[in-house]
Amino acid sequence: MNKRMIRSAGLAALALGTALAAQAQSSVTLYGRVVAGVDYQSNVYDPATGGSGNLWRAVGNQWGTSMLGFKGEEDLGGGLHALFTLESGFSIDDARFNGAGFFNRRTFVGLRSGWGTLKLGKDLSISDAHWALDPTGQQFIGSATLVRGRNWGGHDNMISYETPSWGGLRVLALTGLGEQPQGASRLRKDALSVSYTAPTFELRAIYDVARDANGRFSDLYTTSRNLTLGGTVTLSALKLFAGYEQLSAPDSAAGVPNKARQYWMGARYKVSGPLTLIGAGYRTTVNNGGGSANLFMAGADYALSKRTLLYASVGNVRNGGNANFSVETTNNNPAPGGSQTGFYVGMAHSF
């Protein structure tokens, strides 16, 4: 790690130790995950020269985010619990944070009771729950690829409420205040998720909106409306996935793409013991000359233990028209209308 990360980690550990001494009756857990691997992408286009080349990289987040976190809970009596989470994401290959600040993924405090859970602070976006609908679990080759990461990200200045489970039905509502005196809608994010979980299937609907500094939906992949519908079915060792996602940015400049649709289907199959196979196909269409793209992937996870696994994923994207989507959720795009193949292999350890 670089010196900045070491100093930040030391301060965080000191703060945690102080909290533990003062609140011995609380339960506090240190958790995390470290992911590292090798990544390859073909046909990466350089607009400055007009040429294309192949890219090899050491990477840390393609299969899943490397993270370090603390979470705690205190029983306040009468069924009421106080809770907190502090979580940082980082890249192991270059010791950099995945965003500004040390705890850049989640920093919230809240209360939980039989009436539900209230949280204040910063959390991942509701649309990050796509991982439950995506057979890859939101890898870099997955449901985020053809929407350029729109269903990632987080909510700052967050207030959220989640109901308890009503026979498998849950509702989560969230707002991220923009904190702009010129208007309450500026930079604000709002979201709603409804899910129903049964022993053999799950249904989920997600709607979230992200506004720009003027309170408008001006960019399809950053400040837009996002609706997702999907579900899963489990048949013994086989789990099937399907989803539909629609983006709209009605305040975009004239002639610029302002609507996109994505569809996907896939499966996970636990072959035997530690081996799980993954396969999926994704398609997107974009209006106003934005083109279309088809993405196909195959992968495998091999568990060496409950905490350690090896992973491998390979994918191919074929763009049509003016589309130039990368095979991964990166800016390493092919030329418009071009195709690209990519793969990554590596190891993940959780603690």
Protein backbone atom coordinates (compact mmCIF):
# COMPACT_ATOMS: atom_id res chain seq x y z
CA MET A 1 0.00 0.00 0.00
CA ASN A 2 1.11 3.60 -0.52
CA LYS A 3 1.80 5.88 2.45
CA ARG A 4 -1.57 7.61 2.23
CA MET A 5 -3.43 4.32 2.50
CA ILE A 6 -1.23 3.18 5.41
CA ARG A 7 -1.86 6.42 7.33
CA SER A 8 -5.60 6.22 6.67
CA ALA A 9 -5.76 2.56 7.68
CA GLY A 10 -3.83 3.33 10.87
CA LEU A 11 -6.20 6.13 11.84
CA ALA A 12 -9.19 3.92 11.10
CA ALA A 13 -7.76 1.10 13.24
CA LEU A 14 -7.06 3.55 16.10
CA ALA A 15 -10.60 4.91 15.91
CA LEU A 16 -11.99 1.40 15.88
CA GLY A 17 -9.91 0.40 18.90
CA THR A 18 -11.18 3.41 20.85
CA ALA A 19 -14.75 2.58 19.92
CA LEU A 20 -14.28 -1.04 21.00
CA ALA A 21 -12.91 0.00 24.39
CA ALA A 22 -15.79 2.40 24.99
CA GLN A 23 -18.51 0.13 23.68
CA ALA A 24 -17.48 -3.34 24.80
CA GLN A 25 -21.13 -4.42 24.91
CA SER A 26 -21.48 -3.87 21.16
CA SER A 27 -20.63 -6.46 18.54
CA VAL A 28 -18.12 -5.18 15.97
CA THR A 29 -16.88 -7.19 12.98
CA LEU A 30 -13.89 -6.59 10.74
CA TYR A 31 -14.50 -7.98 7.25
CA GLY A 32 -13.14 -7.66 3.76
CA ARG A 33 -12.15 -9.18 0.46
CA VAL A 34 -8.97 -9.08 -1.62
CA VAL A 35 -9.21 -9.73 -5.37
CA ALA A 36 -6.35 -9.83 -7.87
CA GLY A 37 -5.88 -11.17 -11.37
CA VAL A 38 -4.73 -10.71 -14.95
CA ASP A 39 -6.93 -9.11 -17.61
CA TYR A 40 -6.82 -9.05 -21.43
CA GLN A 41 -8.83 -7.00 -23.95
CA SER A 42 -8.41 -7.12 -27.72
CA ASN A 43 -8.99 -4.44 -30.33
CA VAL A 44 -8.77 -1.40 -28.03
CA TYR A 45 -9.22 1.68 -30.21
CA ASP A 46 -7.04 4.80 -29.89
CA PRO A 47 -8.97 7.77 -31.37
CA ALA A 48 -5.80 9.89 -31.39
CA THR A 49 -4.05 7.62 -33.89
CA GLY A 50 -6.96 5.75 -35.42
CA GLY A 51 -5.25 2.45 -34.60
CA SER A 52 -6.17 -0.47 -32.35
CA GLY A 53 -4.17 -2.79 -30.13
CA ASN A 54 -4.42 -5.44 -27.45
CA LEU A 55 -4.24 -4.61 -23.75
CA TRP A 56 -2.82 -6.75 -20.93
CA ARG A 57 -3.22 -5.57 -17.33
CA ALA A 58 -2.78 -6.64 -13.73
CA VAL A 59 -6.17 -5.91 -12.16
CA GLY A 60 -7.95 -6.04 -8.83
CA ASN A 61 -11.70 -5.54 -9.24
CA GLN A 62 -12.89 -7.37 -12.37
CA TRP A 63 -14.46 -10.32 -10.54
CA GLY A 64 -15.49 -8.24 -7.52
CA THR A 65 -14.37 -5.25 -5.49
CA SER A 66 -11.50 -5.51 -3.04
CA MET A 67 -12.77 -4.02 0.20
CA LEU A 68 -12.12 -3.50 3.89
CA GLY A 69 -14.92 -2.78 6.33
CA PHE A 70 -16.13 -2.57 9.90
CA LYS A 71 -19.71 -3.21 10.92
CA GLY A 72 -21.29 -3.22 14.33
CA GLU A 73 -24.54 -3.58 16.18
CA GLU A 74 -25.82 -2.85 19.67
CA ASP A 75 -28.94 -4.27 21.29
CA LEU A 76 -30.81 -1.30 22.75
CA GLY A 77 -33.57 -3.44 24.22
CA GLY A 78 -37.20 -3.86 23.28
CA GLY A 79 -36.29 -5.23 19.85
CA LEU A 80 -34.42 -2.04 18.87
CA HIS A 81 -30.85 -2.28 17.54
CA ALA A 82 -28.32 0.41 16.62
CA LEU A 83 -26.02 -0.40 13.70
CA PHE A 84 -23.19 1.08 11.66
CA THR A 85 -21.01 0.20 8.67
CA LEU A 86 -17.74 1.74 7.45
CA GLU A 87 -16.49 0.23 4.17
CA SER A 88 -13.66 1.09 1.81
CA GLY A 89 -13.09 -0.18 -1.72
CA PHE A 90 -9.60 -0.30 -3.22
CA SER A 91 -7.56 -1.70 -6.10
CA ILE A 92 -4.92 -4.17 -4.99
CA ASP A 93 -2.80 -3.79 -8.13
CA ASP A 94 -1.89 -0.14 -7.46
CA ALA A 95 -2.98 0.43 -3.83
CA ARG A 96 -5.46 3.13 -4.79
CA PHE A 97 -8.90 3.82 -3.38
CA ASN A 98 -11.95 3.28 -5.59
CA GLY A 99 -13.11 6.83 -5.00
CA ALA A 100 -12.53 9.86 -2.83
CA GLY A 101 -11.84 9.30 0.86
CA PHE A 102 -11.00 6.17 2.81
CA PHE A 103 -14.51 4.82 3.48
CA ASN A 104 -15.69 5.38 -0.09
CA ARG A 105 -18.36 2.64 -0.39
CA ARG A 106 -20.49 2.72 2.74
CA THR A 107 -20.52 4.97 5.79
CA PHE A 108 -23.81 4.88 7.63
CA VAL A 109 -25.43 4.59 11.04
CA GLY A 110 -28.95 3.41 11.66
CA LEU A 111 -31.67 1.77 13.71
CA ARG A 112 -33.39 -1.58 13.13
CA SER A 113 -36.53 -2.93 14.74
CA GLY A 114 -39.58 -4.99 13.89
CA TRP A 115 -40.79 -1.95 11.93
CA GLY A 116 -37.84 -2.00 9.54
CA THR A 117 -34.41 -0.39 9.16
CA LEU A 118 -33.57 3.33 8.93
CA LYS A 119 -30.08 4.36 7.77
CA LEU A 120 -28.31 7.73 7.44
CA GLY A 121 -25.02 8.39 5.64
CA LYS A 122 -23.63 6.92 2.40
CA ASP A 123 -24.50 3.60 0.78
CA LEU A 124 -24.33 1.79 -2.54
CA SER A 125 -26.97 2.63 -5.11
CA ILE A 126 -30.22 0.66 -5.01
CA SER A 127 -29.51 -0.29 -8.63
CA ASP A 128 -26.38 -2.06 -7.36
CA ALA A 129 -28.86 -4.78 -6.38
CA HIS A 130 -28.60 -5.90 -10.02
CA TRP A 131 -26.08 -8.40 -8.64
CA ALA A 132 -29.06 -10.49 -7.49
CA LEU A 133 -30.42 -10.58 -11.07
CA ASP A 134 -27.11 -11.03 -12.90
CA PRO A 135 -25.60 -14.53 -13.18
CA THR A 136 -22.12 -12.99 -12.96
CA GLY A 137 -22.94 -11.09 -9.76
CA GLN A 138 -22.08 -7.79 -11.49
CA GLN A 139 -18.60 -8.68 -12.70
CA PHE A 140 -16.87 -6.36 -15.17
CA ILE A 141 -18.31 -8.62 -17.89
CA GLY A 142 -21.96 -8.53 -16.90
CA SER A 143 -25.12 -6.46 -16.66
CA ALA A 144 -23.20 -3.22 -16.02
CA THR A 145 -21.17 -3.49 -19.24
CA LEU A 146 -23.74 -2.38 -21.83
CA VAL A 147 -25.01 0.48 -19.64
CA ARG A 148 -21.46 1.78 -18.98
CA GLY A 149 -21.68 1.18 -15.24
CA ARG A 150 -24.96 3.07 -14.73
CA ASN A 151 -26.16 0.45 -12.23
CA TRP A 152 -23.07 0.87 -10.04
CA GLY A 153 -22.19 3.87 -7.92
CA GLY A 154 -23.52 5.09 -4.61
CA HIS A 155 -25.68 7.59 -2.78
CA ASP A 156 -24.12 10.36 -0.72
CA ASN A 157 -26.14 12.26 1.91
CA MET A 158 -28.44 9.25 2.08
CA ILE A 159 -31.62 8.59 4.01
CA SER A 160 -33.06 5.11 3.50
CA TYR A 161 -35.81 2.94 4.94
CA GLU A 162 -36.31 -0.78 4.36
CA THR A 163 -39.35 -2.69 5.55
CA PRO A 164 -39.08 -6.00 7.36
CA SER A 165 -39.86 -9.09 5.30
CA TRP A 166 -43.60 -9.55 4.90
CA GLY A 167 -43.77 -13.18 3.85
CA GLY A 168 -40.83 -12.66 1.48
CA LEU A 169 -41.86 -9.17 0.30
CA ARG A 170 -39.51 -6.26 1.01
CA VAL A 171 -39.61 -2.58 0.03
CA LEU A 172 -36.62 -0.23 0.14
CA ALA A 173 -36.88 3.54 -0.39
CA LEU A 174 -33.89 5.86 -0.54
CA THR A 175 -33.03 9.48 -1.23
CA GLY A 176 -29.62 11.10 -1.62
CA LEU A 177 -29.93 14.81 -0.90
CA GLY A 178 -28.19 17.10 -3.38
CA GLU A 179 -27.47 19.74 -0.74
CA GLN A 180 -27.79 22.62 -3.22
CA PRO A 181 -29.39 25.90 -2.03
CA GLN A 182 -30.52 26.71 -5.59
CA GLY A 183 -33.06 23.86 -5.53
CA ALA A 184 -33.80 20.57 -3.79
CA SER A 185 -33.76 18.57 -7.03
CA ARG A 186 -30.19 19.51 -8.01
CA LEU A 187 -27.78 16.55 -7.75
CA ARG A 188 -30.45 14.57 -5.91
CA LYS A 189 -30.84 10.82 -6.26
CA ASP A 190 -34.00 8.89 -5.41
CA ALA A 191 -34.71 5.18 -5.60
CA LEU A 192 -37.27 2.49 -4.83
CA SER A 193 -36.84 -1.29 -4.81
CA VAL A 194 -39.50 -3.98 -4.37
CA SER A 195 -38.46 -7.62 -4.07
CA TYR A 196 -40.18 -10.91 -3.38
CA THR A 197 -38.11 -13.90 -2.34
CA ALA A 198 -39.35 -17.49 -2.14
CA PRO A 199 -37.39 -20.73 -1.65
CA THR A 200 -37.11 -21.42 -5.40
CA PHE A 201 -37.51 -18.01 -7.05
CA GLU A 202 -37.02 -14.26 -6.66
CA LEU A 203 -38.69 -11.29 -8.35
CA ARG A 204 -37.29 -7.76 -8.19
CA ALA A 205 -38.22 -4.29 -9.48
CA ILE A 206 -35.77 -1.39 -9.15
CA TYR A 207 -36.32 2.26 -10.07
CA ASP A 208 -33.75 4.96 -9.45
CA VAL A 209 -33.15 8.47 -10.74
CA ALA A 210 -29.97 10.56 -10.71
CA ARG A 211 -30.10 14.29 -11.52
CA ASP A 212 -27.37 16.65 -12.67
CA ALA A 213 -26.33 19.96 -11.10
CA ASN A 214 -29.36 21.63 -12.72
CA GLY A 215 -31.80 18.99 -11.50
CA ARG A 216 -32.14 17.47 -14.99
CA PHE A 217 -31.74 14.06 -16.61
CA SER A 218 -29.12 15.11 -19.12
CA ASP A 219 -26.87 12.07 -19.70
CA LEU A 220 -28.02 8.54 -20.46
CA TYR A 221 -25.30 6.78 -18.46
CA THR A 222 -24.75 9.16 -15.53
CA THR A 223 -27.79 11.35 -14.81
CA SER A 224 -30.89 9.51 -15.96
CA ARG A 225 -33.92 7.44 -15.00
CA ASN A 226 -33.27 3.72 -14.60
CA LEU A 227 -35.96 1.01 -14.41
CA THR A 228 -35.07 -2.66 -13.99
CA LEU A 229 -37.31 -5.73 -13.80
CA GLY A 230 -35.99 -9.24 -13.31
CA GLY A 231 -36.07 -12.54 -11.54
CA THR A 232 -34.38 -15.83 -10.81
CA VAL A 233 -35.51 -19.46 -10.61
CA THR A 234 -33.57 -22.16 -8.76
CA LEU A 235 -33.84 -25.76 -9.96
CA SER A 236 -31.61 -27.81 -7.69
CA ALA A 237 -28.02 -27.12 -8.84
CA LEU A 238 -29.16 -24.83 -11.68
CA LYS A 239 -30.13 -21.18 -11.17
CA LEU A 240 -31.68 -19.24 -14.07
CA PHE A 241 -31.59 -15.43 -14.42
CA ALA A 242 -33.44 -12.93 -16.62
CA GLY A 243 -33.67 -9.14 -16.60
CA TYR A 244 -34.79 -6.03 -18.44
CA GLU A 245 -33.34 -2.55 -17.93
CA GLN A 246 -34.48 0.76 -19.42
CA LEU A 247 -32.59 4.06 -19.24
CA SER A 248 -33.96 7.46 -20.21
CA ALA A 249 -32.47 10.97 -20.16
CA PRO A 250 -35.17 13.25 -21.62
CA ASP A 251 -33.16 16.44 -20.99
CA SER A 252 -30.21 15.37 -23.16
CA ALA A 253 -29.10 17.64 -26.00
CA ALA A 254 -31.02 17.32 -29.25
CA GLY A 255 -29.92 14.39 -31.39
CA VAL A 256 -27.96 12.71 -28.60
CA PRO A 257 -29.06 9.21 -27.51
CA ASN A 258 -31.55 9.57 -24.67
CA LYS A 259 -33.08 6.08 -24.41
CA ALA A 260 -31.53 2.64 -24.07
CA ARG A 261 -32.87 -0.82 -23.36
CA GLN A 262 -30.98 -3.88 -22.14
CA TYR A 263 -32.13 -7.49 -21.94
CA TRP A 264 -30.28 -10.48 -20.53
CA MET A 265 -30.59 -14.15 -19.70
CA GLY A 266 -28.12 -16.46 -18.02
CA ALA A 267 -27.48 -19.29 -15.60
CA ARG A 268 -25.23 -20.56 -12.84
CA TYR A 269 -24.70 -24.30 -12.49
CA LYS A 270 -23.00 -25.92 -9.52
CA VAL A 271 -21.31 -28.86 -11.22
CA SER A 272 -20.05 -30.65 -8.13
CA GLY A 273 -18.28 -29.68 -4.96
CA PRO A 274 -16.30 -26.47 -5.48
CA LEU A 275 -16.94 -25.81 -9.20
CA THR A 276 -19.63 -23.41 -10.49
CA LEU A 277 -20.12 -22.62 -14.18
CA ILE A 278 -21.59 -19.32 -15.42
CA GLY A 279 -23.04 -18.33 -18.78
CA ALA A 280 -24.99 -15.26 -19.94
CA GLY A 281 -26.04 -13.18 -22.92
CA TYR A 282 -26.86 -9.43 -22.93
CA ARG A 283 -28.28 -7.16 -25.63
CA THR A 284 -28.72 -3.39 -25.72
CA THR A 285 -30.32 -1.01 -28.20
CA VAL A 286 -29.80 2.77 -28.09
CA ASN A 287 -31.91 5.37 -29.91
CA ASN A 288 -30.87 8.40 -31.97
CA GLY A 289 -28.14 6.54 -33.82
CA GLY A 290 -26.54 5.07 -30.71
CA GLY A 291 -26.47 1.61 -32.25
CA SER A 292 -26.76 -1.78 -30.57
CA ALA A 293 -24.55 -4.44 -29.04
CA ASN A 294 -24.60 -8.13 -28.11
CA LEU A 295 -22.42 -9.43 -25.28
CA PHE A 296 -21.84 -13.09 -24.44
CA MET A 297 -19.80 -14.45 -21.55
CA ALA A 298 -18.79 -17.72 -19.93
CA GLY A 299 -17.05 -18.17 -16.63
CA ALA A 300 -16.16 -20.48 -13.79
CA ASP A 301 -15.57 -20.13 -10.05
CA TYR A 302 -13.58 -22.78 -8.20
CA ALA A 303 -13.67 -22.64 -4.41
CA LEU A 304 -10.48 -23.72 -2.69
CA SER A 305 -12.18 -23.16 0.67
CA LYS A 306 -15.11 -21.23 2.13
CA ARG A 307 -13.04 -18.03 1.88
CA THR A 308 -10.80 -18.49 -1.15
CA LEU A 309 -11.67 -19.09 -4.78
CA LEU A 310 -10.17 -19.01 -8.25
CA TYR A 311 -12.13 -17.35 -11.06
CA ALA A 312 -12.02 -17.14 -14.84
CA SER A 313 -14.35 -15.24 -17.19
CA VAL A 314 -14.26 -14.69 -20.95
CA GLY A 315 -16.54 -12.54 -23.09
CA ASN A 316 -17.11 -11.17 -26.57
CA VAL A 317 -19.03 -8.04 -27.57
CA ARG A 318 -20.22 -7.25 -31.08
CA ASN A 319 -21.27 -3.66 -31.71
CA GLY A 320 -23.62 -2.49 -34.42
CA GLY A 321 -23.95 0.97 -35.97
CA ASN A 322 -22.23 3.69 -33.94
CA ALA A 323 -22.05 1.65 -30.72
CA ASN A 324 -18.58 1.13 -29.24
CA PHE A 325 -19.21 -0.76 -26.00
CA SER A 326 -16.24 -2.46 -24.40
CA VAL A 327 -16.41 -6.15 -23.51
CA GLU A 328 -15.83 -5.02 -19.90
CA THR A 329 -17.19 -2.10 -17.89
CA THR A 330 -14.23 0.08 -18.83
CA ASN A 331 -13.39 2.87 -21.29
CA ASN A 332 -11.14 0.55 -23.30
CA ASN A 333 -13.57 0.57 -26.22
CA PRO A 334 -13.24 -0.79 -29.75
CA ALA A 335 -13.89 1.47 -32.72
CA PRO A 336 -17.58 2.24 -33.42
CA GLY A 337 -19.23 -0.85 -34.84
CA GLY A 338 -16.28 -3.02 -33.84
CA SER A 339 -16.03 -6.19 -31.80
CA GLN A 340 -13.86 -7.02 -28.82
CA THR A 341 -12.86 -10.11 -26.84
CA GLY A 342 -11.67 -10.10 -23.26
CA PHE A 343 -10.95 -12.37 -20.34
CA TYR A 344 -9.67 -12.23 -16.78
CA VAL A 345 -8.43 -14.87 -14.37
CA GLY A 346 -7.48 -14.50 -10.75
CA MET A 347 -8.06 -15.20 -7.10
CA ALA A 348 -10.36 -13.79 -4.41
CA HIS A 349 -10.01 -14.20 -0.66
CA SER A 350 -12.67 -13.07 1.83
CA PHE A 351 -12.28 -12.60 5.58
